[in-house]
Each structure stands twice: as C-alpha cells, then as structure tokens.
C-alpha cells in the first residue's frame, strides 16, 4: 500500500466547479458544488469529451424567443 499522500495540482476553476489531478496516482478530482467525484485520467477525458459534444449541440440550436401572448379583440 502506498503511504505517500497525494499532491493535488490545480487544473481549472470556474464558478461552476474545480478540477485537480494527482500526477502520482493519476486520479482526477472534480468538485461541483457539494459533489466530489474521482476519475482515472482516462475516464475523466472520456467524460470531458462527452460533455463537450453535448455543449456544442446545445449551443448549435438557437434559443427560441419567448412567444408573446396573442391578443383577442373584444367587440
């Protein structure tokens, strides 16, 4: 068993979360609000690719303008 403590390297931070990696053990730590997830670097990259694809598809569809209520003329 490895008794050496992990040395976390900061990769990225935004208002939505934070990502750290331990290069010694190859674990990526993803913190989103009150949720913390640990991934192998390979699995993290796969998830990142999936999320990037999804974000591109969401951005490709123009946002629908809210419809104005139809007015009915009363005589």
PDB file of N, CA and C in Angstrom:
ATOM      1  N   UNK A   1       0.835  -1.182   0.000  1.00  0.00           N
ATOM      2  CA  UNK A   1       0.000   0.000   0.000  1.00  0.00           C
ATOM      3  C   UNK A   1       0.879   1.244   0.000  1.00  0.00           C
ATOM      4  N   UNK A   2       0.549   2.183  -0.851  1.00  0.00           N
ATOM      5  CA  UNK A   2       1.310   3.423  -0.970  1.00  0.00           C
ATOM      6  C   UNK A   2       0.900   4.372   0.149  1.00  0.00           C
ATOM      7  N   UNK A   3       1.860   4.758   1.000  1.00  0.00           N
ATOM      8  CA  UNK A   3       1.540   5.625   2.122  1.00  0.00           C
ATOM      9  C   UNK A   3       1.830   7.090   1.825  1.00  0.00           C
ATOM     10  N   UNK A   4       2.331   7.370   0.625  1.00  0.00           N
ATOM     11  CA  UNK A   4       2.620   8.738   0.249  1.00  0.00           C
ATOM     12  C   UNK A   4       1.307   9.472  -0.010  1.00  0.00           C
ATOM     13  N   UNK A   5       1.185  10.668   0.532  1.00  0.00           N
ATOM     14  CA  UNK A   5      -0.045  11.432   0.326  1.00  0.00           C
ATOM     15  C   UNK A   5      -0.044  12.036  -1.072  1.00  0.00           C
ATOM     16  N   UNK A   6      -1.232  12.213  -1.599  1.00  0.00           N
ATOM     17  CA  UNK A   6      -1.386  12.780  -2.934  1.00  0.00           C
ATOM     18  C   UNK A   6      -0.985  14.251  -2.940  1.00  0.00           C
ATOM     19  N   UNK A   7      -0.437  14.658  -4.049  1.00  0.00           N
ATOM     20  CA  UNK A   7      -0.107  16.059  -4.275  1.00  0.00           C
ATOM     21  C   UNK A   7      -1.028  16.551  -5.383  1.00  0.00           C
ATOM     22  N   UNK A   8      -2.015  17.348  -5.020  1.00  0.00           N
ATOM     23  CA  UNK A   8      -3.014  17.794  -5.982  1.00  0.00           C
ATOM     24  C   UNK A   8      -2.533  19.019  -6.747  1.00  0.00           C
ATOM     25  N   UNK A   9      -2.599  18.903  -8.066  1.00  0.00           N
ATOM     26  CA  UNK A   9      -2.252  20.011  -8.959  1.00  0.00           C
ATOM     27  C   UNK A   9      -3.554  20.606  -9.486  1.00  0.00           C
ATOM     28  N   UNK A  10      -3.674  21.902  -9.378  1.00  0.00           N
ATOM     29  CA  UNK A  10      -4.868  22.599  -9.842  1.00  0.00           C
ATOM     30  C   UNK A  10      -4.882  22.621 -11.363  1.00  0.00           C
ATOM     31  N   UNK A  11      -5.996  22.179 -11.975  1.00  0.00           N
ATOM     32  CA  UNK A  11      -6.125  22.208 -13.432  1.00  0.00           C
ATOM     33  C   UNK A  11      -7.012  23.348 -13.903  1.00  0.00           C
ATOM     34  N   UNK A  12      -8.163  23.524 -13.251  1.00  0.00           N
ATOM     35  CA  UNK A  12      -9.102  24.562 -13.693  1.00  0.00           C
ATOM     36  C   UNK A  12     -10.116  24.858 -12.600  1.00  0.00           C
ATOM     37  N   UNK A  13     -10.589  26.107 -12.598  1.00  0.00           N
ATOM     38  CA  UNK A  13     -11.665  26.531 -11.690  1.00  0.00           C
ATOM     39  C   UNK A  13     -12.569  27.514 -12.409  1.00  0.00           C
ATOM     40  N   UNK A  14     -13.841  27.365 -12.199  1.00  0.00           N
ATOM     41  CA  UNK A  14     -14.827  28.337 -12.664  1.00  0.00           C
ATOM     42  C   UNK A  14     -15.838  28.506 -11.550  1.00  0.00           C
ATOM     43  N   UNK A  15     -16.850  29.307 -11.811  1.00  0.00           N
ATOM     44  CA  UNK A  15     -17.908  29.468 -10.822  1.00  0.00           C
ATOM     45  C   UNK A  15     -18.718  28.179 -10.663  1.00  0.00           C
ATOM     46  N   UNK A  16     -18.560  27.243 -11.599  1.00  0.00           N
ATOM     47  CA  UNK A  16     -19.330  26.002 -11.584  1.00  0.00           C
ATOM     48  C   UNK A  16     -18.609  24.839 -10.924  1.00  0.00           C
ATOM     49  N   UNK A  17     -17.296  24.900 -10.851  1.00  0.00           N
ATOM     50  CA  UNK A  17     -16.578  23.786 -10.253  1.00  0.00           C
ATOM     51  C   UNK A  17     -15.079  23.958 -10.307  1.00  0.00           C
ATOM     52  N   UNK A  18     -14.400  22.907  -9.858  1.00  0.00           N
ATOM     53  CA  UNK A  18     -12.941  22.915  -9.763  1.00  0.00           C
ATOM     54  C   UNK A  18     -12.432  21.527 -10.126  1.00  0.00           C
ATOM     55  N   UNK A  19     -11.273  21.488 -10.806  1.00  0.00           N
ATOM     56  CA  UNK A  19     -10.672  20.215 -11.198  1.00  0.00           C
ATOM     57  C   UNK A  19      -9.219  20.179 -10.746  1.00  0.00           C
ATOM     58  N   UNK A  20      -8.857  19.071 -10.090  1.00  0.00           N
ATOM     59  CA  UNK A  20      -7.499  18.850  -9.597  1.00  0.00           C
ATOM     60  C   UNK A  20      -7.029  17.488 -10.088  1.00  0.00           C
ATOM     61  N   UNK A  21      -5.716  17.292 -10.148  1.00  0.00           N
ATOM     62  CA  UNK A  21      -5.179  15.986 -10.509  1.00  0.00           C
ATOM     63  C   UNK A  21      -4.007  15.656  -9.594  1.00  0.00           C
ATOM     64  N   UNK A  22      -3.885  14.386  -9.263  1.00  0.00           N
ATOM     65  CA  UNK A  22      -2.692  13.872  -8.590  1.00  0.00           C
ATOM     66  C   UNK A  22      -1.921  13.115  -9.658  1.00  0.00           C
ATOM     67  N   UNK A  23      -0.793  13.645 -10.055  1.00  0.00           N
ATOM     68  CA  UNK A  23       0.003  13.015 -11.113  1.00  0.00           C
ATOM     69  C   UNK A  23       0.648  11.717 -10.622  1.00  0.00           C
ATOM     70  N   UNK A  24       0.833  11.587  -9.306  1.00  0.00           N
ATOM     71  CA  UNK A  24       1.422  10.366  -8.733  1.00  0.00           C
ATOM     72  C   UNK A  24       0.521   9.159  -8.958  1.00  0.00           C
ATOM     73  N   UNK A  25      -0.789   9.325  -8.644  1.00  0.00           N
ATOM     74  CA  UNK A  25      -1.708   8.183  -8.761  1.00  0.00           C
ATOM     75  C   UNK A  25      -2.624   8.275  -9.982  1.00  0.00           C
ATOM     76  N   UNK A  26      -2.595   9.407 -10.710  1.00  0.00           N
ATOM     77  CA  UNK A  26      -3.385   9.543 -11.936  1.00  0.00           C
ATOM     78  C   UNK A  26      -4.860   9.742 -11.709  1.00  0.00           C
ATOM     79  N   UNK A  27      -5.235  10.213 -10.531  1.00  0.00           N
ATOM     80  CA  UNK A  27      -6.649  10.432 -10.220  1.00  0.00           C
ATOM     81  C   UNK A  27      -7.000  11.900 -10.414  1.00  0.00           C
ATOM     82  N   UNK A  28      -8.121  12.141 -11.110  1.00  0.00           N
ATOM     83  CA  UNK A  28      -8.641  13.489 -11.315  1.00  0.00           C
ATOM     84  C   UNK A  28      -9.791  13.692 -10.337  1.00  0.00           C
ATOM     85  N   UNK A  29      -9.763  14.806  -9.638  1.00  0.00           N
ATOM     86  CA  UNK A  29     -10.799  15.153  -8.668  1.00  0.00           C
ATOM     87  C   UNK A  29     -11.634  16.282  -9.246  1.00  0.00           C
ATOM     88  N   UNK A  30     -12.923  16.021  -9.404  1.00  0.00           N
ATOM     89  CA  UNK A  30     -13.850  17.008  -9.941  1.00  0.00           C
ATOM     90  C   UNK A  30     -14.800  17.420  -8.828  1.00  0.00           C
ATOM     91  N   UNK A  31     -14.809  18.704  -8.494  1.00  0.00           N
ATOM     92  CA  UNK A  31     -15.682  19.239  -7.446  1.00  0.00           C
ATOM     93  C   UNK A  31     -16.711  20.159  -8.090  1.00  0.00           C
ATOM     94  N   UNK A  32     -17.990  19.806  -7.941  1.00  0.00           N
ATOM     95  CA  UNK A  32     -19.093  20.612  -8.467  1.00  0.00           C
ATOM     96  C   UNK A  32     -20.063  20.843  -7.321  1.00  0.00           C
ATOM     97  N   UNK A  33     -20.145  22.091  -6.874  1.00  0.00           N
ATOM     98  CA  UNK A  33     -20.955  22.462  -5.720  1.00  0.00           C
ATOM     99  C   UNK A  33     -20.624  21.539  -4.550  1.00  0.00           C
ATOM    100  N   UNK A  34     -21.599  20.757  -4.071  1.00  0.00           N
ATOM    101  CA  UNK A  34     -21.371  19.887  -2.907  1.00  0.00           C
ATOM    102  C   UNK A  34     -21.058  18.448  -3.312  1.00  0.00           C
ATOM    103  N   UNK A  35     -20.689  18.257  -4.566  1.00  0.00           N
ATOM    104  CA  UNK A  35     -20.424  16.929  -5.099  1.00  0.00           C
ATOM    105  C   UNK A  35     -18.952  16.818  -5.479  1.00  0.00           C
ATOM    106  N   UNK A  36     -18.307  15.754  -5.052  1.00  0.00           N
ATOM    107  CA  UNK A  36     -16.912  15.491  -5.415  1.00  0.00           C
ATOM    108  C   UNK A  36     -16.832  14.121  -6.072  1.00  0.00           C
ATOM    109  N   UNK A  37     -16.203  14.083  -7.242  1.00  0.00           N
ATOM    110  CA  UNK A  37     -16.065  12.837  -7.989  1.00  0.00           C
ATOM    111  C   UNK A  37     -14.591  12.581  -8.273  1.00  0.00           C
ATOM    112  N   UNK A  38     -14.216  11.299  -8.270  1.00  0.00           N
ATOM    113  CA  UNK A  38     -12.835  10.912  -8.579  1.00  0.00           C
ATOM    114  C   UNK A  38     -12.868  10.022  -9.808  1.00  0.00           C
ATOM    115  N   UNK A  39     -11.973  10.311 -10.762  1.00  0.00           N
ATOM    116  CA  UNK A  39     -11.896   9.565 -12.013  1.00  0.00           C
ATOM    117  C   UNK A  39     -10.445   9.206 -12.302  1.00  0.00           C
ATOM    118  N   UNK A  40     -10.249   8.112 -13.024  1.00  0.00           N
ATOM    119  CA  UNK A  40      -8.937   7.912 -13.625  1.00  0.00           C
ATOM    120  C   UNK A  40      -8.812   8.986 -14.701  1.00  0.00           C
ATOM    121  N   UNK A  41      -7.600   9.328 -15.073  1.00  0.00           N
ATOM    122  CA  UNK A  41      -7.414  10.368 -16.087  1.00  0.00           C
ATOM    123  C   UNK A  41      -8.110   9.975 -17.394  1.00  0.00           C
ATOM    124  N   UNK A  42      -8.040   8.706 -17.757  1.00  0.00           N
ATOM    125  CA  UNK A  42      -8.678   8.226 -18.990  1.00  0.00           C
ATOM    126  C   UNK A  42     -10.198   8.399 -18.939  1.00  0.00           C
ATOM    127  N   UNK A  43     -10.816   8.008 -17.820  1.00  0.00           N
ATOM    128  CA  UNK A  43     -12.265   8.145 -17.693  1.00  0.00           C
ATOM    129  C   UNK A  43     -12.688   9.610 -17.637  1.00  0.00           C
ATOM    130  N   UNK A  44     -11.887  10.456 -16.987  1.00  0.00           N
ATOM    131  CA  UNK A  44     -12.203  11.878 -16.940  1.00  0.00           C
ATOM    132  C   UNK A  44     -12.182  12.477 -18.344  1.00  0.00           C
ATOM    133  N   UNK A  45     -11.160  12.111 -19.136  1.00  0.00           N
ATOM    134  CA  UNK A  45     -11.076  12.632 -20.504  1.00  0.00           C
ATOM    135  C   UNK A  45     -12.264  12.170 -21.345  1.00  0.00           C
ATOM    136  N   UNK A  46     -12.702  10.938 -21.149  1.00  0.00           N
ATOM    137  CA  UNK A  46     -13.893  10.449 -21.856  1.00  0.00           C
ATOM    138  C   UNK A  46     -15.130  11.235 -21.479  1.00  0.00           C
ATOM    139  N   UNK A  47     -15.302  11.499 -20.185  1.00  0.00           N
ATOM    140  CA  UNK A  47     -16.441  12.295 -19.730  1.00  0.00           C
ATOM    141  C   UNK A  47     -16.350  13.717 -20.272  1.00  0.00           C
ATOM    142  N   UNK A  48     -15.153  14.295 -20.251  1.00  0.00           N
ATOM    143  CA  UNK A  48     -14.966  15.658 -20.763  1.00  0.00           C
ATOM    144  C   UNK A  48     -15.340  15.727 -22.245  1.00  0.00           C
ATOM    145  N   UNK A  49     -14.957  14.725 -23.021  1.00  0.00           N
ATOM    146  CA  UNK A  49     -15.317  14.689 -24.444  1.00  0.00           C
ATOM    147  C   UNK A  49     -16.826  14.603 -24.624  1.00  0.00           C
ATOM    148  N   UNK A  50     -17.483  13.778 -23.823  1.00  0.00           N
ATOM    149  CA  UNK A  50     -18.932  13.632 -23.899  1.00  0.00           C
ATOM    150  C   UNK A  50     -19.632  14.958 -23.574  1.00  0.00           C
ATOM    151  N   UNK A  51     -19.185  15.620 -22.506  1.00  0.00           N
ATOM    152  CA  UNK A  51     -19.788  16.899 -22.123  1.00  0.00           C
ATOM    153  C   UNK A  51     -19.519  17.983 -23.161  1.00  0.00           C
ATOM    154  N   UNK A  52     -18.345  17.966 -23.763  1.00  0.00           N
ATOM    155  CA  UNK A  52     -18.030  18.937 -24.816  1.00  0.00           C
ATOM    156  C   UNK A  52     -18.946  18.739 -26.013  1.00  0.00           C
ATOM    157  N   UNK A  53     -19.160  17.491 -26.427  1.00  0.00           N
ATOM    158  CA  UNK A  53     -20.076  17.204 -27.541  1.00  0.00           C
ATOM    159  C   UNK A  53     -21.482  17.699 -27.234  1.00  0.00           C
ATOM    160  N   UNK A  54     -21.955  17.423 -26.025  1.00  0.00           N
ATOM    161  CA  UNK A  54     -23.299  17.844 -25.638  1.00  0.00           C
ATOM    162  C   UNK A  54     -23.415  19.370 -25.615  1.00  0.00           C
ATOM    163  N   UNK A  55     -22.409  20.049 -25.076  1.00  0.00           N
ATOM    164  CA  UNK A  55     -22.434  21.516 -25.011  1.00  0.00           C
ATOM    165  C   UNK A  55     -22.450  22.122 -26.409  1.00  0.00           C
ATOM    166  N   UNK A  56     -21.684  21.549 -27.342  1.00  0.00           N
ATOM    167  CA  UNK A  56     -21.673  22.058 -28.714  1.00  0.00           C
ATOM    168  C   UNK A  56     -23.038  21.906 -29.371  1.00  0.00           C
ATOM    169  N   UNK A  57     -23.710  20.797 -29.105  1.00  0.00           N
ATOM    170  CA  UNK A  57     -25.042  20.585 -29.687  1.00  0.00           C
ATOM    171  C   UNK A  57     -26.069  21.545 -29.085  1.00  0.00           C
ATOM    172  N   UNK A  58     -25.956  21.812 -27.802  1.00  0.00           N
ATOM    173  CA  UNK A  58     -26.873  22.763 -27.171  1.00  0.00           C
ATOM    174  C   UNK A  58     -26.656  24.154 -27.752  1.00  0.00           C
ATOM    175  N   UNK A  59     -25.394  24.545 -27.913  1.00  0.00           N
ATOM    176  CA  UNK A  59     -25.083  25.875 -28.438  1.00  0.00           C
ATOM    177  C   UNK A  59     -25.455  26.017 -29.906  1.00  0.00           C
ATOM    178  N   UNK A  60     -25.498  24.928 -30.654  1.00  0.00           N
ATOM    179  CA  UNK A  60     -25.797  24.973 -32.087  1.00  0.00           C
ATOM    180  C   UNK A  60     -27.266  25.275 -32.372  1.00  0.00           C
ATOM    181  N   UNK A  61     -28.135  24.989 -31.432  1.00  0.00           N
ATOM    182  CA  UNK A  61     -29.566  25.241 -31.620  1.00  0.00           C
ATOM    183  C   UNK A  61     -29.874  26.638 -31.095  1.00  0.00           C
ATOM    184  N   UNK A  62     -30.396  27.518 -31.967  1.00  0.00           N
ATOM    185  CA  UNK A  62     -30.700  28.875 -31.494  1.00  0.00           C
ATOM    186  C   UNK A  62     -31.776  28.842 -30.418  1.00  0.00           C
ATOM    187  N   UNK A  63     -31.627  29.752 -29.483  1.00  0.00           N
ATOM    188  CA  UNK A  63     -32.622  29.835 -28.414  1.00  0.00           C
ATOM    189  C   UNK A  63     -33.932  30.350 -28.991  1.00  0.00           C
ATOM    190  N   UNK A  64     -35.007  29.716 -28.591  1.00  0.00           N
ATOM    191  CA  UNK A  64     -36.325  30.144 -29.046  1.00  0.00           C
ATOM    192  C   UNK A  64     -36.704  31.434 -28.329  1.00  0.00           C
ATOM    193  N   UNK A  65     -37.235  32.368 -29.104  1.00  0.00           N
ATOM    194  CA  UNK A  65     -37.696  33.610 -28.497  1.00  0.00           C
ATOM    195  C   UNK A  65     -39.014  33.329 -27.795  1.00  0.00           C
ATOM    196  N   UNK A  66     -39.217  33.911 -26.616  1.00  0.00           N
ATOM    197  CA  UNK A  66     -40.491  33.693 -25.936  1.00  0.00           C
ATOM    198  C   UNK A  66     -41.637  34.249 -26.785  1.00  0.00           C
ATOM    199  N   UNK A  67     -42.687  33.494 -26.867  1.00  0.00           N
ATOM    200  CA  UNK A  67     -43.844  33.926 -27.652  1.00  0.00           C
ATOM    201  C   UNK A  67     -44.632  34.962 -26.863  1.00  0.00           C
ATOM    202  N   UNK A  68     -45.031  35.977 -27.588  1.00  0.00           N
ATOM    203  CA  UNK A  68     -45.868  36.998 -26.966  1.00  0.00           C
ATOM    204  C   UNK A  68     -47.298  36.468 -26.942  1.00  0.00           C
ATOM    205  N   UNK A  69     -48.016  36.773 -25.881  1.00  0.00           N
ATOM    206  CA  UNK A  69     -49.407  36.309 -25.831  1.00  0.00           C
ATOM    207  C   UNK A  69     -50.216  36.954 -26.939  1.00  0.00           C
ATOM    208  N   UNK A  70     -51.111  36.164 -27.508  1.00  0.00           N
ATOM    209  CA  UNK A  70     -51.991  36.665 -28.560  1.00  0.00           C
ATOM    210  C   UNK A  70     -53.114  37.461 -27.924  1.00  0.00           C
ATOM    211  N   UNK A  71     -53.385  38.593 -28.502  1.00  0.00           N
ATOM    212  CA  UNK A  71     -54.477  39.427 -28.007  1.00  0.00           C
ATOM    213  C   UNK A  71     -55.723  39.148 -28.812  1.00  0.00           C
ATOM    214  N   UNK A  72     -56.835  39.089 -28.112  1.00  0.00           N
ATOM    215  CA  UNK A  72     -58.109  38.878 -28.762  1.00  0.00           C
ATOM    216  C   UNK A  72     -58.915  40.153 -28.681  1.00  0.00           C
ATOM    217  N   UNK A  73     -59.406  40.567 -29.815  1.00  0.00           N
ATOM    218  CA  UNK A  73     -60.209  41.807 -29.847  1.00  0.00           C
ATOM    219  C   UNK A  73     -61.637  41.492 -29.434  1.00  0.00           C
ATOM    220  N   UNK A  74     -62.115  42.206 -28.449  1.00  0.00           N
ATOM    221  CA  UNK A  74     -63.465  42.012 -27.925  1.00  0.00           C
ATOM    222  C   UNK A  74     -64.317  43.176 -28.430  1.00  0.00           C
ATOM    223  N   UNK A  75     -65.485  42.873 -28.989  1.00  0.00           N
ATOM    224  CA  UNK A  75     -66.390  43.927 -29.508  1.00  0.00           C
ATOM    225  C   UNK A  75     -67.470  44.249 -28.527  1.00  0.00           C
TER     226      UNK A  75
END
